[in-house]
């Protein structure tokens, strides 16, 4: 099942964005072999191509104006971003672990190592802090989807930092 969105020029000549789910077995859907990002291989994140795929009205969960913020993002961003971000936090944590291990055997020009390791540690702490703030926003899925996600993020950011 693919849960995605696409732009649509309706009969009134207004651009809309349709959010829908469609079976990956539907005729005209194919998956490209184009996802080779380090740490993300095998995650199913390849490009999904739609070629003359019919999407029924019943499959459309949401229709919204294009180029406008829609309140659905208050829920989507709050719930999805911590899940998406955790993969990158894990990659950053492993990179730090590898760097510290490599540092043990590095002898040449080692005067700059504290600076490099410190910079890497600062980046890791930044990523971890931002992810933790996202998780705080989710609040075990007990949150009100009213107001802007960005307004809530600013409130949490001010409380955490």
Protein backbone atom coordinates (compact mmCIF):
# COMPACT_ATOMS: atom_id res chain seq x y z
CA UNK A 1 0.00 0.00 0.00
CA UNK A 2 1.31 3.45 -0.89
CA UNK A 3 0.02 6.39 1.11
CA UNK A 4 0.95 9.50 -0.83
CA UNK A 5 -0.28 12.71 -2.42
CA UNK A 6 -0.40 14.34 -5.84
CA UNK A 7 -1.40 17.67 -7.33
CA UNK A 8 -4.57 17.87 -9.38
CA UNK A 9 -6.05 20.61 -11.57
CA UNK A 10 -9.78 20.29 -10.92
CA UNK A 11 -12.55 21.20 -13.41
CA UNK A 12 -12.79 24.69 -11.83
CA UNK A 13 -9.13 25.25 -12.81
CA UNK A 14 -8.01 25.23 -9.15
CA UNK A 15 -4.89 23.35 -8.15
CA UNK A 16 -5.54 20.91 -5.31
CA UNK A 17 -3.45 18.33 -3.51
CA UNK A 18 -5.07 14.91 -3.13
CA UNK A 19 -3.93 12.60 -0.34
CA UNK A 20 -4.75 8.97 -0.99
CA UNK A 21 -3.84 5.33 -0.47
CA UNK A 22 -3.43 2.87 -3.34
CA UNK A 23 -2.35 -0.75 -3.57
CA UNK A 24 1.20 -1.23 -4.86
CA UNK A 25 -0.21 -4.04 -7.04
CA UNK A 26 -2.31 -1.56 -9.04
CA UNK A 27 -1.58 -1.52 -12.78
CA UNK A 28 0.76 1.34 -13.69
CA UNK A 29 2.64 1.45 -10.37
CA UNK A 30 6.34 0.59 -10.38
CA UNK A 31 9.24 1.08 -7.99
CA UNK A 32 12.56 2.51 -9.17
CA UNK A 33 15.87 1.08 -7.98
CA UNK A 34 17.21 4.51 -7.06
CA UNK A 35 17.66 4.59 -3.28
CA UNK A 36 21.26 4.04 -2.27
CA UNK A 37 21.63 6.59 0.50
CA UNK A 38 24.09 5.43 3.14
CA UNK A 39 22.32 3.83 6.06
CA UNK A 40 18.95 3.77 4.30
CA UNK A 41 19.35 0.94 1.78
CA UNK A 42 16.58 -1.62 2.03
CA UNK A 43 14.18 0.77 3.78
CA UNK A 44 11.65 0.83 0.96
CA UNK A 45 12.25 4.52 0.30
CA UNK A 46 12.68 4.22 -3.46
CA UNK A 47 10.80 6.39 -5.92
CA UNK A 48 7.32 5.09 -6.68
CA UNK A 49 6.26 5.85 -10.24
CA UNK A 50 2.60 6.23 -11.21
CA UNK A 51 1.85 5.85 -14.92
CA UNK A 52 -1.85 6.34 -15.78
CA UNK A 53 -2.97 5.00 -12.40
CA UNK A 54 -6.67 5.38 -11.61
CA UNK A 55 -7.37 6.67 -8.09
CA UNK A 56 -11.00 6.30 -7.06
CA UNK A 57 -12.83 9.03 -5.15
CA UNK A 58 -13.18 6.59 -2.23
CA UNK A 59 -9.38 6.36 -1.95
CA UNK A 60 -8.95 10.09 -1.45
CA UNK A 61 -8.67 10.81 2.26
CA UNK A 62 -8.06 14.54 1.95
CA UNK A 63 -8.27 17.24 -0.69
CA UNK A 64 -6.60 20.54 0.15
CA UNK A 65 -5.57 23.71 -1.67
CA UNK A 66 -2.07 23.66 -3.14
CA UNK A 67 0.56 26.04 -1.71
CA UNK A 68 -1.31 26.64 1.54
CA UNK A 69 -0.63 25.31 5.01
CA UNK A 70 -3.32 22.81 5.94
CA UNK A 71 -4.15 21.87 9.55
CA UNK A 72 -3.57 18.17 8.70
CA UNK A 73 0.16 18.95 8.93
CA UNK A 74 -0.29 19.67 12.66
CA UNK A 75 -0.95 15.95 13.11
CA UNK A 76 1.25 14.53 10.34
CA UNK A 77 4.37 16.48 11.31
CA UNK A 78 3.89 15.89 15.03
CA UNK A 79 3.52 12.12 14.63
CA UNK A 80 5.73 11.35 11.63
CA UNK A 81 8.81 13.50 12.17
CA UNK A 82 10.09 11.73 15.31
CA UNK A 83 9.73 8.40 13.49
CA UNK A 84 11.54 9.68 10.42
CA UNK A 85 14.22 11.47 12.41
CA UNK A 86 15.11 8.47 14.60
CA UNK A 87 16.80 6.74 11.66
CA UNK A 88 19.10 9.72 11.17
CA UNK A 89 19.77 10.01 14.91
CA UNK A 90 20.87 6.36 14.87
CA UNK A 91 23.18 7.01 11.92
CA UNK A 92 24.70 10.02 13.72
CA UNK A 93 25.21 8.01 16.93
CA UNK A 94 26.94 5.21 15.01
CA UNK A 95 29.12 7.75 13.18
CA UNK A 96 30.21 9.17 16.53
CA UNK A 97 30.99 5.68 17.83
CA UNK A 98 33.07 4.89 14.73
CA UNK A 99 34.91 8.23 14.92
CA UNK A 100 35.84 7.69 18.57
CA UNK A 101 37.10 4.18 17.78
CA UNK A 102 39.15 5.40 14.79
CA UNK A 103 40.59 8.21 16.93
CA UNK A 104 42.25 5.65 19.22
CA UNK A 105 44.59 4.51 16.45
CA UNK A 106 45.07 7.86 14.71
CA UNK A 107 48.56 9.27 15.29
CA UNK A 108 49.33 11.61 12.39
CA UNK A 109 48.45 15.31 12.87
CA UNK A 110 46.44 14.50 15.98
CA UNK A 111 46.52 18.04 17.41
CA UNK A 112 43.31 18.89 15.57
CA UNK A 113 41.45 15.80 16.84
CA UNK A 114 39.91 17.40 19.97
CA UNK A 115 38.44 20.12 17.74
CA UNK A 116 37.05 17.63 15.21
CA UNK A 117 35.65 15.28 17.87
CA UNK A 118 34.18 18.28 19.72
CA UNK A 119 32.51 19.52 16.56
CA UNK A 120 31.12 16.05 15.86
CA UNK A 121 29.88 15.76 19.46
CA UNK A 122 28.16 19.16 19.20
CA UNK A 123 26.43 18.06 15.99
CA UNK A 124 25.32 14.80 17.61
CA UNK A 125 23.96 16.59 20.69
CA UNK A 126 22.10 19.01 18.43
CA UNK A 127 20.46 16.17 16.50
CA UNK A 128 19.58 14.29 19.69
CA UNK A 129 18.12 17.45 21.28
CA UNK A 130 16.02 18.25 18.23
CA UNK A 131 14.72 14.68 18.07
CA UNK A 132 13.91 14.74 21.79
CA UNK A 133 11.98 18.00 21.27
CA UNK A 134 10.00 16.32 18.47
CA UNK A 135 9.18 13.40 20.76
CA UNK A 136 8.12 15.85 23.47
CA UNK A 137 5.73 17.48 21.01
CA UNK A 138 4.16 14.10 20.28
CA UNK A 139 3.50 13.65 24.01
CA UNK A 140 2.67 9.92 23.73
CA UNK A 141 0.17 10.91 21.01
CA UNK A 142 -1.81 12.97 23.52
CA UNK A 143 -1.85 16.39 21.87
CA UNK A 144 -4.32 18.77 20.34
CA UNK A 145 -3.91 19.20 16.58
CA UNK A 146 -5.09 22.81 16.86
CA UNK A 147 -2.76 25.68 16.20
CA UNK A 148 0.36 25.57 14.13
CA UNK A 149 2.90 22.79 14.55
CA UNK A 150 5.56 25.44 14.25
CA UNK A 151 4.02 27.48 17.09
CA UNK A 152 4.01 24.39 19.33
CA UNK A 153 7.59 23.58 18.31
CA UNK A 154 8.67 27.11 19.33
CA UNK A 155 7.02 26.66 22.74
CA UNK A 156 8.74 23.30 23.31
CA UNK A 157 12.04 24.65 22.02
CA UNK A 158 11.88 27.52 24.49
CA UNK A 159 11.14 25.08 27.34
CA UNK A 160 13.94 22.64 26.39
CA UNK A 161 16.78 24.98 25.47
